[in-house]
Amino acid sequence: TVVLQKEPSAFACSTFTVDVDYIIDKDAFGLIFGASDTQNFYMWQVNASTDTVKLRPHQWIKGNASLVDEISLSNVYQTKQDAIGKKSHMTVSVNNGEIKTYINDELVDTRQVAEFDFGGIGLRASSESFRVDNIVVKDESGNIIHKYDFDEGVRCDFNGGTITDGMLSVTTGPIYAKDSGLVEAAPMLRKEFSLSGNIKSARLYATAAGIYEMYINGAKVGDSY
């Protein structure tokens, strides 16, 4: 049986964590989460455009952005030079509307909002630029739901950005993860089968009218497209 299907959309869960490594190249880094669509989401920005680096939580409702708060990160970054060009780590932990934000493992903000599902994940820049890597989403039991890294030099998981030194570089946006359900994903052909006996060698023949990627048992096969 061959099954034709879309990539799965993001899971519905109101308790989750998002981890991401980031480097600010110019001014700020922005992480989108809790996106029900491209007009409604939360965006947490680490802003280093002034001497005092700040966490600036935003919320988009029906395409209209509002700045929720500004929190000094002087306990993490003494000056903007401590934030620009250096790798940092953000953790956003959401528990039924309670959002805790950690920068380099230090709790910098706790706030309560209306309960929301994870929805989808993305990245946002306007005049800013930054790089990200090792984006991991876990459910309430600590199971990994989504994991994105860019070591192979391709940005196949996101619908924008470029790869720079094994990281996804973002200079415009927003962009979204393709498996978030927020972007039109390519169809997927899947075939389940069983083999008997000892396998000495195997060869796979595949072609497509455009770009494709082939996986067997979850592992990518070959380096052709």
Protein backbone atom coordinates (compact mmCIF):
# COMPACT_ATOMS: atom_id res chain seq x y z
CA THR A 1 0.00 0.00 0.00
CA VAL A 2 1.30 3.41 -0.98
CA VAL A 3 -0.01 6.36 1.07
CA LEU A 4 0.00 9.96 -0.22
CA GLN A 5 -0.19 12.48 2.59
CA LYS A 6 0.84 15.94 3.72
CA GLU A 7 3.55 16.43 6.28
CA PRO A 8 2.06 16.13 9.78
CA SER A 9 1.10 19.38 11.49
CA ALA A 10 2.31 20.38 14.92
CA PHE A 11 0.98 18.58 17.96
CA ALA A 12 -1.78 20.04 20.13
CA CYS A 13 -0.32 20.43 23.60
CA SER A 14 -0.49 23.28 26.12
CA THR A 15 2.53 22.08 28.13
CA PHE A 16 5.81 22.08 26.20
CA THR A 17 9.33 23.49 26.05
CA VAL A 18 11.28 25.05 23.20
CA ASP A 19 15.10 25.16 23.27
CA VAL A 20 17.24 27.02 20.75
CA ASP A 21 20.85 28.12 20.34
CA TYR A 22 21.19 31.57 18.78
CA ILE A 23 23.77 34.14 17.75
CA ILE A 24 22.71 37.75 17.25
CA ASP A 25 24.57 39.23 14.30
CA LYS A 26 22.68 42.52 14.22
CA ASP A 27 20.34 43.98 16.84
CA ALA A 28 18.03 41.11 17.82
CA PHE A 29 16.84 37.49 17.72
CA GLY A 30 13.15 36.53 17.49
CA LEU A 31 11.51 33.17 18.27
CA ILE A 32 7.90 32.46 17.25
CA PHE A 33 5.86 29.86 19.15
CA GLY A 34 2.21 29.13 19.94
CA ALA A 35 1.29 30.01 16.36
CA SER A 36 -2.26 28.97 15.48
CA ASP A 37 -1.65 30.54 12.04
CA THR A 38 0.61 33.16 10.46
CA GLN A 39 -1.49 35.99 11.93
CA ASN A 40 -1.71 34.80 15.54
CA PHE A 41 1.35 33.84 17.58
CA TYR A 42 3.77 34.80 20.35
CA MET A 43 7.22 36.16 19.50
CA TRP A 44 9.94 36.43 22.13
CA GLN A 45 12.71 38.82 21.07
CA VAL A 46 16.15 39.26 22.62
CA ASN A 47 16.98 42.83 21.63
CA ALA A 48 20.58 44.07 21.69
CA SER A 49 20.09 47.26 19.69
CA THR A 50 20.88 49.41 22.77
CA ASP A 51 23.45 49.15 25.55
CA THR A 52 20.87 47.44 27.77
CA VAL A 53 19.94 44.07 26.27
CA LYS A 54 16.26 43.30 26.80
CA LEU A 55 13.77 40.46 26.46
CA ARG A 56 10.80 41.89 24.55
CA PRO A 57 7.79 39.53 24.51
CA HIS A 58 5.29 40.26 21.69
CA GLN A 59 1.90 38.90 20.75
CA TRP A 60 0.39 38.94 17.26
CA ILE A 61 -3.43 38.92 17.10
CA LYS A 62 -5.07 38.95 13.66
CA GLY A 63 -1.84 40.25 12.18
CA ASN A 64 -1.48 43.13 14.64
CA ALA A 65 1.60 43.11 16.88
CA SER A 66 1.70 44.33 20.47
CA LEU A 67 4.70 44.64 22.76
CA VAL A 68 3.78 42.84 25.98
CA ASP A 69 6.71 43.87 28.16
CA GLU A 70 10.40 44.80 28.27
CA ILE A 71 12.69 42.98 30.68
CA SER A 72 16.30 43.95 31.26
CA LEU A 73 18.75 41.11 30.71
CA SER A 74 21.62 42.90 32.44
CA ASN A 75 22.02 39.89 34.75
CA VAL A 76 22.89 37.81 31.63
CA TYR A 77 24.47 40.43 29.34
CA GLN A 78 26.24 43.36 31.00
CA THR A 79 26.50 45.19 27.66
CA LYS A 80 25.35 44.62 24.10
CA GLN A 81 28.85 43.44 23.22
CA ASP A 82 28.22 40.43 25.45
CA ALA A 83 25.25 39.46 23.25
CA ILE A 84 26.38 40.31 19.72
CA GLY A 85 28.28 37.60 17.83
CA LYS A 86 28.28 35.12 20.71
CA LYS A 87 26.28 31.92 21.04
CA SER A 88 23.51 31.95 23.64
CA HIS A 89 20.72 29.55 24.56
CA MET A 90 17.03 30.24 25.12
CA THR A 91 14.50 27.94 26.77
CA VAL A 92 10.80 28.78 26.71
CA SER A 93 8.81 26.56 29.07
CA VAL A 94 5.01 26.71 28.77
CA ASN A 95 2.66 25.08 31.28
CA ASN A 96 -1.04 25.75 30.60
CA GLY A 97 -0.47 29.44 29.98
CA GLU A 98 2.41 30.02 32.39
CA ILE A 99 5.48 30.98 30.35
CA LYS A 100 8.95 30.79 31.87
CA THR A 101 11.88 32.09 29.85
CA TYR A 102 15.49 31.13 30.48
CA ILE A 103 18.57 32.66 28.86
CA ASN A 104 21.76 30.64 29.27
CA ASP A 105 19.93 28.54 31.89
CA GLU A 106 19.02 31.59 34.01
CA LEU A 107 15.34 32.33 34.63
CA VAL A 108 14.71 35.85 33.33
CA ASP A 109 10.91 36.07 33.09
CA THR A 110 7.72 34.37 34.30
CA ARG A 111 4.28 35.42 33.09
CA GLN A 112 0.74 34.08 32.89
CA VAL A 113 -1.37 34.28 29.74
CA ALA A 114 -4.49 32.52 28.53
CA GLU A 115 -3.86 28.82 27.91
CA PHE A 116 -2.75 28.05 24.35
CA ASP A 117 -1.42 25.11 22.34
CA PHE A 118 2.07 24.85 20.89
CA GLY A 119 0.64 25.30 17.39
CA GLY A 120 3.69 26.04 15.26
CA ILE A 121 7.19 27.44 15.52
CA GLY A 122 9.02 30.08 13.51
CA LEU A 123 11.66 32.82 13.48
CA ARG A 124 11.29 36.52 12.83
CA ALA A 125 13.61 39.30 11.72
CA SER A 126 12.91 42.64 10.07
CA SER A 127 16.01 44.84 10.07
CA GLU A 128 17.73 42.44 12.49
CA SER A 129 19.82 39.38 11.63
CA PHE A 130 20.70 36.28 13.62
CA ARG A 131 21.61 32.60 13.38
CA VAL A 132 20.01 29.61 15.11
CA ASP A 133 20.73 25.91 15.62
CA ASN A 134 19.64 22.93 17.71
CA ILE A 135 15.95 23.86 17.96
CA VAL A 136 14.23 21.22 20.10
CA VAL A 137 10.55 21.00 21.08
CA LYS A 138 9.53 18.62 23.88
CA ASP A 139 6.13 17.66 25.29
CA GLU A 140 5.21 17.61 28.98
CA SER A 141 6.83 14.17 29.41
CA GLY A 142 10.12 15.31 27.91
CA ASN A 143 9.61 13.47 24.64
CA ILE A 144 11.16 15.20 21.63
CA ILE A 145 8.39 16.25 19.23
CA HIS A 146 10.45 18.34 16.82
CA LYS A 147 14.20 18.69 16.40
CA TYR A 148 15.95 20.92 13.88
CA ASP A 149 19.67 21.24 13.23
CA PHE A 150 21.48 22.42 10.15
CA ASP A 151 24.71 20.43 10.23
CA GLU A 152 24.10 18.95 6.76
CA GLY A 153 24.05 22.43 5.22
CA VAL A 154 20.38 22.40 4.15
CA ARG A 155 17.44 24.37 5.50
CA CYS A 156 14.84 21.78 4.46
CA ASP A 157 12.97 22.13 7.77
CA PHE A 158 12.16 25.84 7.29
CA ASN A 159 10.69 27.85 4.43
CA GLY A 160 13.35 30.56 4.51
CA GLY A 161 16.82 31.56 5.66
CA THR A 162 20.26 30.45 4.52
CA ILE A 163 22.87 28.15 6.04
CA THR A 164 25.97 29.83 7.48
CA ASP A 165 28.60 27.76 9.31
CA GLY A 166 26.12 25.01 10.15
CA MET A 167 23.47 27.41 11.47
CA LEU A 168 20.29 28.82 9.91
CA SER A 169 20.84 32.52 9.19
CA VAL A 170 17.73 34.71 9.27
CA THR A 171 17.69 38.25 7.88
CA THR A 172 14.01 38.55 6.99
CA GLY A 173 10.82 36.90 8.11
CA PRO A 174 8.81 35.55 9.59
CA ILE A 175 9.73 32.05 8.48
CA TYR A 176 8.15 28.85 9.77
CA ALA A 177 9.01 25.20 10.27
CA LYS A 178 7.49 23.18 7.45
CA ASP A 179 6.03 20.58 9.81
CA SER A 180 4.24 23.26 11.85
CA GLY A 181 1.21 23.18 9.57
CA LEU A 182 1.74 26.91 8.81
CA VAL A 183 3.30 26.46 5.38
CA GLU A 184 2.29 24.37 2.40
CA ALA A 185 4.35 21.21 2.61
CA ALA A 186 5.27 18.80 -0.16
CA PRO A 187 3.27 15.57 -0.47
CA MET A 188 4.86 12.42 0.90
CA LEU A 189 4.81 8.93 -0.63
CA ARG A 190 5.17 6.15 1.91
CA LYS A 191 5.43 2.39 1.50
CA GLU A 192 5.61 -0.12 4.35
CA PHE A 193 7.14 -3.51 3.57
CA SER A 194 8.84 -6.47 5.23
CA LEU A 195 11.86 -8.47 4.02
CA SER A 196 12.74 -12.05 4.79
CA GLY A 197 16.10 -13.78 4.72
CA ASN A 198 19.58 -12.28 4.90
CA ILE A 199 20.16 -9.12 2.83
CA LYS A 200 23.60 -8.94 1.21
CA SER A 201 23.05 -5.75 -0.75
CA ALA A 202 20.22 -3.48 -1.88
CA ARG A 203 19.78 -0.71 -4.43
CA LEU A 204 17.11 1.97 -4.50
CA TYR A 205 15.92 3.63 -7.73
CA ALA A 206 14.04 6.90 -7.35
CA THR A 207 13.15 9.90 -9.47
CA ALA A 208 10.84 12.90 -9.30
CA ALA A 209 9.78 15.92 -11.35
CA GLY A 210 11.72 18.31 -9.13
CA ILE A 211 13.37 18.03 -5.72
CA TYR A 212 12.86 15.01 -3.48
CA GLU A 213 14.34 13.42 -0.37
CA MET A 214 14.28 9.70 0.34
CA TYR A 215 14.21 8.10 3.79
CA ILE A 216 14.28 4.47 4.94
CA ASN A 217 13.33 3.73 8.55
CA GLY A 218 13.64 7.44 9.32
CA ALA A 219 17.20 7.80 7.97
CA LYS A 220 17.96 9.90 4.90
CA VAL A 221 19.26 7.86 1.96
CA GLY A 222 21.95 9.33 -0.29
CA ASP A 223 22.82 12.92 -1.04
CA SER A 224 20.95 13.33 -4.34
CA TYR A 225 17.87 15.47 -4.87
